[in-house]
């Protein structure tokens, strides 16, 4: 069974955002990488330099990278100052949604970091998790951006 298209309603522009909220209309026709992480995840922090590189390299070419900070902290959900400071420390300029776990649940994200790559038509093509996911994500992004943003238009099996 294929995963549904990205449920953009979960990306609530009125909710907790760092850097800038994302609106559904901004994502039409663009490949999207959702990067799920947590501030207390050492493996996540170790990978932020490469994620920043992807933002700089692939962002101008059409890839939208959206960070998703998964938290159980009511303080973090209501006050994004800690997430903002964390993003500045790691030089993350992409939009970051502060998730109470509902978005992670929809995508069955159980490990951090997790990377979900959607094609330009909004279909989930790849879900990779854990500290060993980076080489595969790197390869997928290079291939996607080399073949064009609309590659693999059909839903995942």
C-alpha atoms as a PDB file:
ATOM      1  CA  UNK A   1       0.000   0.000   0.000  1.00  0.00           C
ATOM      2  CA  UNK A   2       1.380   3.388  -0.926  1.00  0.00           C
ATOM      3  CA  UNK A   3       1.832   6.251   1.511  1.00  0.00           C
ATOM      4  CA  UNK A   4      -0.541   9.137   0.871  1.00  0.00           C
ATOM      5  CA  UNK A   5       0.677  12.423  -0.455  1.00  0.00           C
ATOM      6  CA  UNK A   6       2.281  14.733   2.075  1.00  0.00           C
ATOM      7  CA  UNK A   7      -0.450  15.839   4.507  1.00  0.00           C
ATOM      8  CA  UNK A   8       0.391  19.501   4.343  1.00  0.00           C
ATOM      9  CA  UNK A   9      -2.444  20.355   6.695  1.00  0.00           C
ATOM     10  CA  UNK A  10      -0.143  19.063   9.429  1.00  0.00           C
ATOM     11  CA  UNK A  11       2.242  21.865   8.555  1.00  0.00           C
ATOM     12  CA  UNK A  12       0.084  24.459  10.286  1.00  0.00           C
ATOM     13  CA  UNK A  13       1.365  27.963   9.509  1.00  0.00           C
ATOM     14  CA  UNK A  14      -0.162  29.136  12.787  1.00  0.00           C
ATOM     15  CA  UNK A  15       1.672  26.483  14.784  1.00  0.00           C
ATOM     16  CA  UNK A  16       5.235  26.500  16.111  1.00  0.00           C
ATOM     17  CA  UNK A  17       7.689  27.432  13.369  1.00  0.00           C
ATOM     18  CA  UNK A  18      11.307  28.500  13.340  1.00  0.00           C
ATOM     19  CA  UNK A  19      12.822  30.570  10.519  1.00  0.00           C
ATOM     20  CA  UNK A  20       9.540  30.892   8.562  1.00  0.00           C
ATOM     21  CA  UNK A  21       6.240  29.049   8.236  1.00  0.00           C
ATOM     22  CA  UNK A  22       5.597  27.013   5.106  1.00  0.00           C
ATOM     23  CA  UNK A  23       2.358  27.460   3.215  1.00  0.00           C
ATOM     24  CA  UNK A  24       0.886  24.692   1.064  1.00  0.00           C
ATOM     25  CA  UNK A  25       0.942  26.859  -2.072  1.00  0.00           C
ATOM     26  CA  UNK A  26       4.724  27.231  -1.786  1.00  0.00           C
ATOM     27  CA  UNK A  27       5.298  23.490  -2.206  1.00  0.00           C
ATOM     28  CA  UNK A  28       3.348  22.704  -5.355  1.00  0.00           C
ATOM     29  CA  UNK A  29       5.501  20.989  -7.952  1.00  0.00           C
ATOM     30  CA  UNK A  30       8.651  20.839  -5.840  1.00  0.00           C
ATOM     31  CA  UNK A  31      10.435  17.831  -4.377  1.00  0.00           C
ATOM     32  CA  UNK A  32      10.414  17.956  -0.587  1.00  0.00           C
ATOM     33  CA  UNK A  33      12.729  16.479   2.018  1.00  0.00           C
ATOM     34  CA  UNK A  34      11.215  16.289   5.492  1.00  0.00           C
ATOM     35  CA  UNK A  35      14.010  15.946   8.035  1.00  0.00           C
ATOM     36  CA  UNK A  36      12.718  14.655  11.388  1.00  0.00           C
ATOM     37  CA  UNK A  37      15.026  15.218  14.328  1.00  0.00           C
ATOM     38  CA  UNK A  38      15.082  15.990  18.018  1.00  0.00           C
ATOM     39  CA  UNK A  39      17.253  18.464  19.884  1.00  0.00           C
ATOM     40  CA  UNK A  40      18.476  15.763  22.267  1.00  0.00           C
ATOM     41  CA  UNK A  41      19.546  13.410  19.459  1.00  0.00           C
ATOM     42  CA  UNK A  42      23.345  13.253  19.122  1.00  0.00           C
ATOM     43  CA  UNK A  43      23.159  11.481  15.757  1.00  0.00           C
ATOM     44  CA  UNK A  44      20.921  14.280  14.464  1.00  0.00           C
ATOM     45  CA  UNK A  45      23.310  17.026  15.571  1.00  0.00           C
ATOM     46  CA  UNK A  46      26.218  15.224  13.926  1.00  0.00           C
ATOM     47  CA  UNK A  47      24.405  15.354  10.579  1.00  0.00           C
ATOM     48  CA  UNK A  48      23.307  18.998  10.529  1.00  0.00           C
ATOM     49  CA  UNK A  49      26.428  20.169   8.665  1.00  0.00           C
ATOM     50  CA  UNK A  50      25.512  17.952   5.732  1.00  0.00           C
ATOM     51  CA  UNK A  51      21.843  18.973   5.879  1.00  0.00           C
ATOM     52  CA  UNK A  52      22.999  22.605   5.750  1.00  0.00           C
ATOM     53  CA  UNK A  53      25.066  21.723   2.674  1.00  0.00           C
ATOM     54  CA  UNK A  54      21.932  20.246   1.012  1.00  0.00           C
ATOM     55  CA  UNK A  55      19.983  23.422   1.801  1.00  0.00           C
ATOM     56  CA  UNK A  56      22.712  25.524   0.184  1.00  0.00           C
ATOM     57  CA  UNK A  57      23.281  23.246  -2.816  1.00  0.00           C
ATOM     58  CA  UNK A  58      19.825  21.929  -3.665  1.00  0.00           C
ATOM     59  CA  UNK A  59      17.545  24.666  -2.331  1.00  0.00           C
ATOM     60  CA  UNK A  60      18.310  27.082  -5.185  1.00  0.00           C
ATOM     61  CA  UNK A  61      17.661  24.203  -7.606  1.00  0.00           C
ATOM     62  CA  UNK A  62      14.120  23.558  -6.344  1.00  0.00           C
ATOM     63  CA  UNK A  63      14.384  21.123  -3.428  1.00  0.00           C
ATOM     64  CA  UNK A  64      12.447  22.248  -0.352  1.00  0.00           C
ATOM     65  CA  UNK A  65      13.948  20.992   2.887  1.00  0.00           C
ATOM     66  CA  UNK A  66      11.717  21.276   5.927  1.00  0.00           C
ATOM     67  CA  UNK A  67      13.024  20.382   9.356  1.00  0.00           C
ATOM     68  CA  UNK A  68      10.654  18.766  11.833  1.00  0.00           C
ATOM     69  CA  UNK A  69      11.735  19.005  15.468  1.00  0.00           C
ATOM     70  CA  UNK A  70       9.847  16.227  17.241  1.00  0.00           C
ATOM     71  CA  UNK A  71       9.403  17.050  20.892  1.00  0.00           C
ATOM     72  CA  UNK A  72       7.492  15.938  23.946  1.00  0.00           C
ATOM     73  CA  UNK A  73       8.216  19.203  25.730  1.00  0.00           C
ATOM     74  CA  UNK A  74       5.224  21.479  26.283  1.00  0.00           C
ATOM     75  CA  UNK A  75       7.651  24.366  26.781  1.00  0.00           C
ATOM     76  CA  UNK A  76       9.314  23.710  23.418  1.00  0.00           C
ATOM     77  CA  UNK A  77       5.894  23.523  21.734  1.00  0.00           C
ATOM     78  CA  UNK A  78       4.650  26.791  23.209  1.00  0.00           C
ATOM     79  CA  UNK A  79       7.915  28.732  23.081  1.00  0.00           C
ATOM     80  CA  UNK A  80      10.199  28.114  20.113  1.00  0.00           C
ATOM     81  CA  UNK A  81      13.157  30.099  21.524  1.00  0.00           C
ATOM     82  CA  UNK A  82      15.161  26.972  22.344  1.00  0.00           C
ATOM     83  CA  UNK A  83      14.562  25.555  18.863  1.00  0.00           C
ATOM     84  CA  UNK A  84      15.515  28.906  17.299  1.00  0.00           C
ATOM     85  CA  UNK A  85      18.769  28.981  19.273  1.00  0.00           C
ATOM     86  CA  UNK A  86      19.479  25.376  18.323  1.00  0.00           C
ATOM     87  CA  UNK A  87      18.855  26.136  14.634  1.00  0.00           C
ATOM     88  CA  UNK A  88      21.200  29.152  14.780  1.00  0.00           C
ATOM     89  CA  UNK A  89      23.888  27.098  16.512  1.00  0.00           C
ATOM     90  CA  UNK A  90      23.735  24.534  13.690  1.00  0.00           C
ATOM     91  CA  UNK A  91      23.247  27.182  10.964  1.00  0.00           C
ATOM     92  CA  UNK A  92      19.960  25.674   9.783  1.00  0.00           C
ATOM     93  CA  UNK A  93      18.163  28.173   7.595  1.00  0.00           C
ATOM     94  CA  UNK A  94      15.338  25.935   6.383  1.00  0.00           C
ATOM     95  CA  UNK A  95      11.840  26.226   7.827  1.00  0.00           C
ATOM     96  CA  UNK A  96      11.461  24.081  10.950  1.00  0.00           C
ATOM     97  CA  UNK A  97       8.117  22.851  12.235  1.00  0.00           C
ATOM     98  CA  UNK A  98       7.904  22.034  15.928  1.00  0.00           C
ATOM     99  CA  UNK A  99       5.958  18.768  16.045  1.00  0.00           C
ATOM    100  CA  UNK A 100       4.132  17.386  19.062  1.00  0.00           C
ATOM    101  CA  UNK A 101       4.548  13.933  17.556  1.00  0.00           C
ATOM    102  CA  UNK A 102       1.426  13.929  15.389  1.00  0.00           C
ATOM    103  CA  UNK A 103       3.302  14.395  12.123  1.00  0.00           C
ATOM    104  CA  UNK A 104       5.890  11.797  13.128  1.00  0.00           C
ATOM    105  CA  UNK A 105       3.054   9.393  13.900  1.00  0.00           C
ATOM    106  CA  UNK A 106       1.464   9.846  10.458  1.00  0.00           C
ATOM    107  CA  UNK A 107       4.735   8.791   8.824  1.00  0.00           C
ATOM    108  CA  UNK A 108       5.639   6.139  11.377  1.00  0.00           C
ATOM    109  CA  UNK A 109       8.822   7.968  12.287  1.00  0.00           C
ATOM    110  CA  UNK A 110      10.247   6.069  15.242  1.00  0.00           C
ATOM    111  CA  UNK A 111      13.964   6.865  14.871  1.00  0.00           C
ATOM    112  CA  UNK A 112      15.856  10.106  14.688  1.00  0.00           C
ATOM    113  CA  UNK A 113      17.057  11.306  12.374  1.00  0.00           C
ATOM    114  CA  UNK A 114      14.556  10.317   9.690  1.00  0.00           C
ATOM    115  CA  UNK A 115      14.422  11.590   6.139  1.00  0.00           C
ATOM    116  CA  UNK A 116      11.291  11.455   3.981  1.00  0.00           C
ATOM    117  CA  UNK A 117      11.782  12.347   0.345  1.00  0.00           C
ATOM    118  CA  UNK A 118       8.709  13.350  -1.677  1.00  0.00           C
ATOM    119  CA  UNK A 119       8.750  13.784  -5.427  1.00  0.00           C
ATOM    120  CA  UNK A 120       7.491  16.948  -7.133  1.00  0.00           C
ATOM    121  CA  UNK A 121       3.975  15.483  -7.296  1.00  0.00           C
ATOM    122  CA  UNK A 122       3.885  15.130  -3.513  1.00  0.00           C
ATOM    123  CA  UNK A 123       4.245  11.349  -3.268  1.00  0.00           C
ATOM    124  CA  UNK A 124       6.491   9.813  -0.635  1.00  0.00           C
ATOM    125  CA  UNK A 125       9.278   8.014  -2.494  1.00  0.00           C
ATOM    126  CA  UNK A 126      11.757   7.173   0.269  1.00  0.00           C
ATOM    127  CA  UNK A 127      11.735   6.914   4.066  1.00  0.00           C
ATOM    128  CA  UNK A 128      15.181   6.474   5.593  1.00  0.00           C
ATOM    129  CA  UNK A 129      16.009   6.493   9.288  1.00  0.00           C
ATOM    130  CA  UNK A 130      18.901   6.378  11.678  1.00  0.00           C
ATOM    131  CA  UNK A 131      22.501   7.530  11.625  1.00  0.00           C
ATOM    132  CA  UNK A 132      23.374   5.265   8.690  1.00  0.00           C
ATOM    133  CA  UNK A 133      20.800   6.870   6.370  1.00  0.00           C
ATOM    134  CA  UNK A 134      22.993   9.772   5.237  1.00  0.00           C
ATOM    135  CA  UNK A 135      24.882   8.058   2.370  1.00  0.00           C
ATOM    136  CA  UNK A 136      21.613   6.798   0.860  1.00  0.00           C
ATOM    137  CA  UNK A 137      19.900  10.194   1.246  1.00  0.00           C
ATOM    138  CA  UNK A 138      22.944  11.877  -0.304  1.00  0.00           C
ATOM    139  CA  UNK A 139      22.742   9.533  -3.296  1.00  0.00           C
ATOM    140  CA  UNK A 140      18.973   9.956  -3.695  1.00  0.00           C
ATOM    141  CA  UNK A 141      19.216  13.748  -3.602  1.00  0.00           C
ATOM    142  CA  UNK A 142      22.024  13.825  -6.135  1.00  0.00           C
ATOM    143  CA  UNK A 143      20.041  11.558  -8.452  1.00  0.00           C
ATOM    144  CA  UNK A 144      16.820  13.503  -8.009  1.00  0.00           C
ATOM    145  CA  UNK A 145      18.421  16.843  -8.690  1.00  0.00           C
ATOM    146  CA  UNK A 146      20.407  15.458 -11.618  1.00  0.00           C
ATOM    147  CA  UNK A 147      17.367  13.948 -13.369  1.00  0.00           C
ATOM    148  CA  UNK A 148      15.055  16.858 -12.573  1.00  0.00           C
ATOM    149  CA  UNK A 149      12.610  17.769  -9.865  1.00  0.00           C
ATOM    150  CA  UNK A 150       9.689  15.871 -11.402  1.00  0.00           C
ATOM    151  CA  UNK A 151      11.432  12.490 -11.493  1.00  0.00           C
ATOM    152  CA  UNK A 152       9.509   9.467 -10.226  1.00  0.00           C
ATOM    153  CA  UNK A 153       6.029  10.970 -10.469  1.00  0.00           C
ATOM    154  CA  UNK A 154       4.140   7.830  -9.503  1.00  0.00           C
ATOM    155  CA  UNK A 155       3.421   6.823  -5.904  1.00  0.00           C
ATOM    156  CA  UNK A 156       5.640   4.386  -4.071  1.00  0.00           C
ATOM    157  CA  UNK A 157       4.425   0.765  -4.136  1.00  0.00           C
END
